[in-house]
Each structure stands twice: as structure tokens, then as C-alpha cells.
Amino acid sequence: MAVPTPVNGQITDAVTQANITVLAQAPAMAMGSLYQAQANALSILFANSVDAQAKLADSFEAITDERT
């Protein structure tokens, strides 16, 4: 402890360790959130691509059925 306080030293050490742990884990938590957001966006992109392809296939089928 740098400054003497009326609080028990073990308590201040425990709080300091908890604060350091939170600060140390912050970059990993941020990267985890970023990866999760990117995976979600990519899955939406693929779902939209599949949906668009299915709609184009339906349109093509409707066009080719009318001409025959």
C-alpha cells in the first residue's frame, strides 16, 4: 500500500487485485465482442445471399415456364 488508510490492508489489496484483473481482461473481452459481432454480421450476409439466390431461381423458373 502506498498510503496508510484506516481500512485493513488485506481489503485494499483484494480490491486492487480485482481492479487489475478487470483491466487485464478488458482487451480480451473487447476482442471477443468484436469477433462475435463480425460472426453475426457474416451469418446475416450469407443468409441474405441464400435468400436472394432463391428468389432469383424462383423468378427464372417463372420466366422460363411462361415461354414454353
PDB file of N, CA and C in Angstrom:
ATOM      1  N   MET A   1       0.840  -1.186   0.000  1.00  0.00           N
ATOM      2  CA  MET A   1       0.000   0.000   0.000  1.00  0.00           C
ATOM      3  C   MET A   1       0.874   1.235   0.000  1.00  0.00           C
ATOM      4  N   ALA A   2       0.496   2.183  -0.792  1.00  0.00           N
ATOM      5  CA  ALA A   2       1.281   3.409  -0.895  1.00  0.00           C
ATOM      6  C   ALA A   2       0.953   4.381   0.226  1.00  0.00           C
ATOM      7  N   VAL A   3      -0.335   4.500   0.547  1.00  0.00           N
ATOM      8  CA  VAL A   3      -0.759   5.475   1.555  1.00  0.00           C
ATOM      9  C   VAL A   3      -1.463   4.728   2.678  1.00  0.00           C
ATOM     10  N   PRO A   4      -1.072   4.972   3.933  1.00  0.00           N
ATOM     11  CA  PRO A   4      -1.763   4.314   5.047  1.00  0.00           C
ATOM     12  C   PRO A   4      -3.220   4.785   5.131  1.00  0.00           C
ATOM     13  N   THR A   5      -4.131   3.827   5.291  1.00  0.00           N
ATOM     14  CA  THR A   5      -5.557   4.146   5.398  1.00  0.00           C
ATOM     15  C   THR A   5      -6.132   3.429   6.609  1.00  0.00           C
ATOM     16  N   PRO A   6      -7.310   3.857   7.072  1.00  0.00           N
ATOM     17  CA  PRO A   6      -7.928   3.165   8.206  1.00  0.00           C
ATOM     18  C   PRO A   6      -8.522   1.806   7.822  1.00  0.00           C
ATOM     19  N   VAL A   7      -8.507   1.477   6.549  1.00  0.00           N
ATOM     20  CA  VAL A   7      -9.058   0.205   6.082  1.00  0.00           C
ATOM     21  C   VAL A   7      -7.981  -0.866   6.191  1.00  0.00           C
ATOM     22  N   ASN A   8      -8.403  -2.078   6.452  1.00  0.00           N
ATOM     23  CA  ASN A   8      -7.492  -3.204   6.562  1.00  0.00           C
ATOM     24  C   ASN A   8      -6.714  -3.353   5.253  1.00  0.00           C
ATOM     25  N   GLY A   9      -5.425  -3.592   5.344  1.00  0.00           N
ATOM     26  CA  GLY A   9      -4.570  -3.728   4.169  1.00  0.00           C
ATOM     27  C   GLY A   9      -4.970  -4.869   3.266  1.00  0.00           C
ATOM     28  N   GLN A  10      -5.472  -5.945   3.845  1.00  0.00           N
ATOM     29  CA  GLN A  10      -5.900  -7.081   3.025  1.00  0.00           C
ATOM     30  C   GLN A  10      -7.088  -6.714   2.138  1.00  0.00           C
ATOM     31  N   ILE A  11      -7.954  -5.868   2.658  1.00  0.00           N
ATOM     32  CA  ILE A  11      -9.117  -5.448   1.869  1.00  0.00           C
ATOM     33  C   ILE A  11      -8.669  -4.589   0.692  1.00  0.00           C
ATOM     34  N   THR A  12      -7.808  -3.637   0.951  1.00  0.00           N
ATOM     35  CA  THR A  12      -7.343  -2.778  -0.141  1.00  0.00           C
ATOM     36  C   THR A  12      -6.553  -3.583  -1.169  1.00  0.00           C
ATOM     37  N   ASP A  13      -5.775  -4.556  -0.706  1.00  0.00           N
ATOM     38  CA  ASP A  13      -5.040  -5.406  -1.651  1.00  0.00           C
ATOM     39  C   ASP A  13      -6.005  -6.232  -2.508  1.00  0.00           C
ATOM     40  N   ALA A  14      -7.065  -6.754  -1.900  1.00  0.00           N
ATOM     41  CA  ALA A  14      -8.042  -7.546  -2.643  1.00  0.00           C
ATOM     42  C   ALA A  14      -8.749  -6.690  -3.683  1.00  0.00           C
ATOM     43  N   VAL A  15      -9.121  -5.473  -3.311  1.00  0.00           N
ATOM     44  CA  VAL A  15      -9.787  -4.580  -4.252  1.00  0.00           C
ATOM     45  C   VAL A  15      -8.830  -4.201  -5.378  1.00  0.00           C
ATOM     46  N   THR A  16      -7.579  -3.948  -5.043  1.00  0.00           N
ATOM     47  CA  THR A  16      -6.594  -3.611  -6.064  1.00  0.00           C
ATOM     48  C   THR A  16      -6.412  -4.769  -7.034  1.00  0.00           C
ATOM     49  N   GLN A  17      -6.323  -5.987  -6.524  1.00  0.00           N
ATOM     50  CA  GLN A  17      -6.170  -7.156  -7.389  1.00  0.00           C
ATOM     51  C   GLN A  17      -7.389  -7.342  -8.297  1.00  0.00           C
ATOM     52  N   ALA A  18      -8.583  -7.095  -7.745  1.00  0.00           N
ATOM     53  CA  ALA A  18      -9.792  -7.210  -8.563  1.00  0.00           C
ATOM     54  C   ALA A  18      -9.783  -6.172  -9.680  1.00  0.00           C
ATOM     55  N   ASN A  19      -9.365  -4.959  -9.373  1.00  0.00           N
ATOM     56  CA  ASN A  19      -9.304  -3.911 -10.386  1.00  0.00           C
ATOM     57  C   ASN A  19      -8.279  -4.250 -11.469  1.00  0.00           C
ATOM     58  N   ILE A  20      -7.152  -4.783 -11.065  1.00  0.00           N
ATOM     59  CA  ILE A  20      -6.116  -5.156 -12.034  1.00  0.00           C
ATOM     60  C   ILE A  20      -6.617  -6.289 -12.927  1.00  0.00           C
ATOM     61  N   THR A  21      -7.335  -7.241 -12.333  1.00  0.00           N
ATOM     62  CA  THR A  21      -7.878  -8.356 -13.115  1.00  0.00           C
ATOM     63  C   THR A  21      -8.857  -7.848 -14.166  1.00  0.00           C
ATOM     64  N   VAL A  22      -9.723  -6.919 -13.777  1.00  0.00           N
ATOM     65  CA  VAL A  22     -10.689  -6.367 -14.727  1.00  0.00           C
ATOM     66  C   VAL A  22      -9.962  -5.644 -15.852  1.00  0.00           C
ATOM     67  N   LEU A  23      -8.965  -4.853 -15.513  1.00  0.00           N
ATOM     68  CA  LEU A  23      -8.214  -4.127 -16.534  1.00  0.00           C
ATOM     69  C   LEU A  23      -7.445  -5.078 -17.449  1.00  0.00           C
ATOM     70  N   ALA A  24      -6.940  -6.163 -16.902  1.00  0.00           N
ATOM     71  CA  ALA A  24      -6.179  -7.111 -17.710  1.00  0.00           C
ATOM     72  C   ALA A  24      -7.085  -7.887 -18.663  1.00  0.00           C
ATOM     73  N   GLN A  25      -8.319  -8.135 -18.256  1.00  0.00           N
ATOM     74  CA  GLN A  25      -9.230  -8.909 -19.094  1.00  0.00           C
ATOM     75  C   GLN A  25      -9.975  -8.052 -20.110  1.00  0.00           C
ATOM     76  N   ALA A  26      -9.923  -6.751 -19.987  1.00  0.00           N
ATOM     77  CA  ALA A  26     -10.690  -5.866 -20.869  1.00  0.00           C
ATOM     78  C   ALA A  26     -10.344  -6.048 -22.351  1.00  0.00           C
ATOM     79  N   PRO A  27      -9.073  -6.118 -22.747  1.00  0.00           N
ATOM     80  CA  PRO A  27      -8.791  -6.299 -24.174  1.00  0.00           C
ATOM     81  C   PRO A  27      -9.336  -7.623 -24.730  1.00  0.00           C
ATOM     82  N   ALA A  28      -9.230  -8.682 -23.961  1.00  0.00           N
ATOM     83  CA  ALA A  28      -9.743  -9.969 -24.418  1.00  0.00           C
ATOM     84  C   ALA A  28     -11.264  -9.939 -24.544  1.00  0.00           C
ATOM     85  N   MET A  29     -11.935  -9.296 -23.607  1.00  0.00           N
ATOM     86  CA  MET A  29     -13.388  -9.181 -23.686  1.00  0.00           C
ATOM     87  C   MET A  29     -13.791  -8.338 -24.892  1.00  0.00           C
ATOM     88  N   ALA A  30     -13.049  -7.279 -25.158  1.00  0.00           N
ATOM     89  CA  ALA A  30     -13.365  -6.431 -26.310  1.00  0.00           C
ATOM     90  C   ALA A  30     -13.177  -7.194 -27.612  1.00  0.00           C
ATOM     91  N   MET A  31     -12.110  -7.957 -27.722  1.00  0.00           N
ATOM     92  CA  MET A  31     -11.882  -8.738 -28.938  1.00  0.00           C
ATOM     93  C   MET A  31     -12.946  -9.820 -29.090  1.00  0.00           C
ATOM     94  N   GLY A  32     -13.352 -10.433 -27.988  1.00  0.00           N
ATOM     95  CA  GLY A  32     -14.414 -11.430 -28.040  1.00  0.00           C
ATOM     96  C   GLY A  32     -15.713 -10.836 -28.555  1.00  0.00           C
ATOM     97  N   SER A  33     -16.039  -9.645 -28.072  1.00  0.00           N
ATOM     98  CA  SER A  33     -17.250  -8.966 -28.546  1.00  0.00           C
ATOM     99  C   SER A  33     -17.138  -8.615 -30.022  1.00  0.00           C
ATOM    100  N   LEU A  34     -15.967  -8.176 -30.430  1.00  0.00           N
ATOM    101  CA  LEU A  34     -15.752  -7.834 -31.838  1.00  0.00           C
ATOM    102  C   LEU A  34     -15.905  -9.068 -32.725  1.00  0.00           C
ATOM    103  N   TYR A  35     -15.296 -10.176 -32.337  1.00  0.00           N
ATOM    104  CA  TYR A  35     -15.403 -11.398 -33.127  1.00  0.00           C
ATOM    105  C   TYR A  35     -16.846 -11.888 -33.201  1.00  0.00           C
ATOM    106  N   GLN A  36     -17.566 -11.770 -32.089  1.00  0.00           N
ATOM    107  CA  GLN A  36     -18.958 -12.198 -32.081  1.00  0.00           C
ATOM    108  C   GLN A  36     -19.796 -11.323 -33.009  1.00  0.00           C
ATOM    109  N   ALA A  37     -19.565 -10.022 -32.989  1.00  0.00           N
ATOM    110  CA  ALA A  37     -20.308  -9.114 -33.869  1.00  0.00           C
ATOM    111  C   ALA A  37     -19.987  -9.396 -35.337  1.00  0.00           C
ATOM    112  N   GLN A  38     -18.720  -9.657 -35.637  1.00  0.00           N
ATOM    113  CA  GLN A  38     -18.338  -9.972 -37.016  1.00  0.00           C
ATOM    114  C   GLN A  38     -18.960 -11.281 -37.480  1.00  0.00           C
ATOM    115  N   ALA A  39     -18.985 -12.278 -36.618  1.00  0.00           N
ATOM    116  CA  ALA A  39     -19.594 -13.560 -36.984  1.00  0.00           C
ATOM    117  C   ALA A  39     -21.089 -13.394 -37.224  1.00  0.00           C
ATOM    118  N   ASN A  40     -21.734 -12.585 -36.407  1.00  0.00           N
ATOM    119  CA  ASN A  40     -23.169 -12.346 -36.590  1.00  0.00           C
ATOM    120  C   ASN A  40     -23.432 -11.628 -37.913  1.00  0.00           C
ATOM    121  N   ALA A  41     -22.633 -10.612 -38.215  1.00  0.00           N
ATOM    122  CA  ALA A  41     -22.807  -9.882 -39.468  1.00  0.00           C
ATOM    123  C   ALA A  41     -22.553 -10.791 -40.670  1.00  0.00           C
ATOM    124  N   LEU A  42     -21.559 -11.644 -40.580  1.00  0.00           N
ATOM    125  CA  LEU A  42     -21.259 -12.557 -41.681  1.00  0.00           C
ATOM    126  C   LEU A  42     -22.378 -13.574 -41.879  1.00  0.00           C
ATOM    127  N   SER A  43     -22.950 -14.056 -40.796  1.00  0.00           N
ATOM    128  CA  SER A  43     -24.049 -15.016 -40.939  1.00  0.00           C
ATOM    129  C   SER A  43     -25.270 -14.356 -41.563  1.00  0.00           C
ATOM    130  N   ILE A  44     -25.530 -13.098 -41.226  1.00  0.00           N
ATOM    131  CA  ILE A  44     -26.643 -12.377 -41.852  1.00  0.00           C
ATOM    132  C   ILE A  44     -26.363 -12.175 -43.333  1.00  0.00           C
ATOM    133  N   LEU A  45     -25.122 -11.857 -43.668  1.00  0.00           N
ATOM    134  CA  LEU A  45     -24.746 -11.687 -45.071  1.00  0.00           C
ATOM    135  C   LEU A  45     -24.999 -12.963 -45.861  1.00  0.00           C
ATOM    136  N   PHE A  46     -24.590 -14.103 -45.326  1.00  0.00           N
ATOM    137  CA  PHE A  46     -24.798 -15.367 -46.023  1.00  0.00           C
ATOM    138  C   PHE A  46     -26.286 -15.702 -46.130  1.00  0.00           C
ATOM    139  N   ALA A  47     -27.043 -15.420 -45.078  1.00  0.00           N
ATOM    140  CA  ALA A  47     -28.482 -15.690 -45.127  1.00  0.00           C
ATOM    141  C   ALA A  47     -29.146 -14.839 -46.195  1.00  0.00           C
ATOM    142  N   ASN A  48     -28.748 -13.588 -46.301  1.00  0.00           N
ATOM    143  CA  ASN A  48     -29.305 -12.717 -47.343  1.00  0.00           C
ATOM    144  C   ASN A  48     -28.906 -13.198 -48.739  1.00  0.00           C
ATOM    145  N   SER A  49     -27.682 -13.684 -48.879  1.00  0.00           N
ATOM    146  CA  SER A  49     -27.233 -14.194 -50.177  1.00  0.00           C
ATOM    147  C   SER A  49     -28.039 -15.421 -50.596  1.00  0.00           C
ATOM    148  N   VAL A  50     -28.264 -16.319 -49.670  1.00  0.00           N
ATOM    149  CA  VAL A  50     -29.051 -17.519 -49.978  1.00  0.00           C
ATOM    150  C   VAL A  50     -30.477 -17.128 -50.341  1.00  0.00           C
ATOM    151  N   ASP A  51     -31.053 -16.195 -49.600  1.00  0.00           N
ATOM    152  CA  ASP A  51     -32.412 -15.741 -49.881  1.00  0.00           C
ATOM    153  C   ASP A  51     -32.501 -15.092 -51.266  1.00  0.00           C
ATOM    154  N   ALA A  52     -31.531 -14.251 -51.593  1.00  0.00           N
ATOM    155  CA  ALA A  52     -31.524 -13.602 -52.907  1.00  0.00           C
ATOM    156  C   ALA A  52     -31.373 -14.625 -54.026  1.00  0.00           C
ATOM    157  N   GLN A  53     -30.527 -15.613 -53.830  1.00  0.00           N
ATOM    158  CA  GLN A  53     -30.346 -16.651 -54.849  1.00  0.00           C
ATOM    159  C   GLN A  53     -31.632 -17.458 -55.032  1.00  0.00           C
ATOM    160  N   ALA A  54     -32.313 -17.740 -53.938  1.00  0.00           N
ATOM    161  CA  ALA A  54     -33.567 -18.488 -54.036  1.00  0.00           C
ATOM    162  C   ALA A  54     -34.624 -17.675 -54.781  1.00  0.00           C
ATOM    163  N   LYS A  55     -34.679 -16.384 -54.508  1.00  0.00           N
ATOM    164  CA  LYS A  55     -35.658 -15.536 -55.208  1.00  0.00           C
ATOM    165  C   LYS A  55     -35.335 -15.441 -56.697  1.00  0.00           C
ATOM    166  N   LEU A  56     -34.065 -15.330 -57.032  1.00  0.00           N
ATOM    167  CA  LEU A  56     -33.683 -15.302 -58.445  1.00  0.00           C
ATOM    168  C   LEU A  56     -34.027 -16.620 -59.133  1.00  0.00           C
ATOM    169  N   ALA A  57     -33.828 -17.723 -58.448  1.00  0.00           N
ATOM    170  CA  ALA A  57     -34.167 -19.023 -59.026  1.00  0.00           C
ATOM    171  C   ALA A  57     -35.667 -19.124 -59.253  1.00  0.00           C
ATOM    172  N   ASP A  58     -36.463 -18.630 -58.310  1.00  0.00           N
ATOM    173  CA  ASP A  58     -37.919 -18.640 -58.489  1.00  0.00           C
ATOM    174  C   ASP A  58     -38.321 -17.766 -59.669  1.00  0.00           C
ATOM    175  N   SER A  59     -37.704 -16.596 -59.776  1.00  0.00           N
ATOM    176  CA  SER A  59     -38.019 -15.692 -60.887  1.00  0.00           C
ATOM    177  C   SER A  59     -37.641 -16.325 -62.216  1.00  0.00           C
ATOM    178  N   PHE A  60     -36.479 -16.933 -62.273  1.00  0.00           N
ATOM    179  CA  PHE A  60     -36.044 -17.595 -63.507  1.00  0.00           C
ATOM    180  C   PHE A  60     -36.984 -18.722 -63.889  1.00  0.00           C
ATOM    181  N   GLU A  61     -37.424 -19.471 -62.883  1.00  0.00           N
ATOM    182  CA  GLU A  61     -38.355 -20.571 -63.154  1.00  0.00           C
ATOM    183  C   GLU A  61     -39.671 -20.041 -63.684  1.00  0.00           C
ATOM    184  N   ALA A  62     -40.157 -18.947 -63.128  1.00  0.00           N
ATOM    185  CA  ALA A  62     -41.421 -18.363 -63.587  1.00  0.00           C
ATOM    186  C   ALA A  62     -41.279 -17.834 -65.012  1.00  0.00           C
ATOM    187  N   ILE A  63     -40.161 -17.241 -65.328  1.00  0.00           N
ATOM    188  CA  ILE A  63     -39.942 -16.698 -66.675  1.00  0.00           C
ATOM    189  C   ILE A  63     -39.858 -17.823 -67.681  1.00  0.00           C
ATOM    190  N   THR A  64     -39.112 -18.868 -67.396  1.00  0.00           N
ATOM    191  CA  THR A  64     -38.929 -19.953 -68.354  1.00  0.00           C
ATOM    192  C   THR A  64     -40.188 -20.779 -68.513  1.00  0.00           C
ATOM    193  N   ASP A  65     -41.041 -20.867 -67.501  1.00  0.00           N
ATOM    194  CA  ASP A  65     -42.282 -21.620 -67.626  1.00  0.00           C
ATOM    195  C   ASP A  65     -43.268 -20.912 -68.538  1.00  0.00           C
ATOM    196  N   GLU A  66     -43.289 -19.585 -68.554  1.00  0.00           N
ATOM    197  CA  GLU A  66     -44.238 -18.852 -69.371  1.00  0.00           C
ATOM    198  C   GLU A  66     -43.874 -18.922 -70.857  1.00  0.00           C
ATOM    199  N   ARG A  67     -42.615 -19.048 -71.184  1.00  0.00           N
ATOM    200  CA  ARG A  67     -42.184 -19.051 -72.587  1.00  0.00           C
ATOM    201  C   ARG A  67     -42.379 -20.405 -73.257  1.00  0.00           C
ATOM    202  N   THR A  68     -42.551 -21.460 -72.496  1.00  0.00           N
ATOM    203  CA  THR A  68     -42.682 -22.781 -73.123  1.00  0.00           C
ATOM    204  C   THR A  68     -44.097 -23.170 -73.380  1.00  0.00           C
TER     205      THR A  68
END
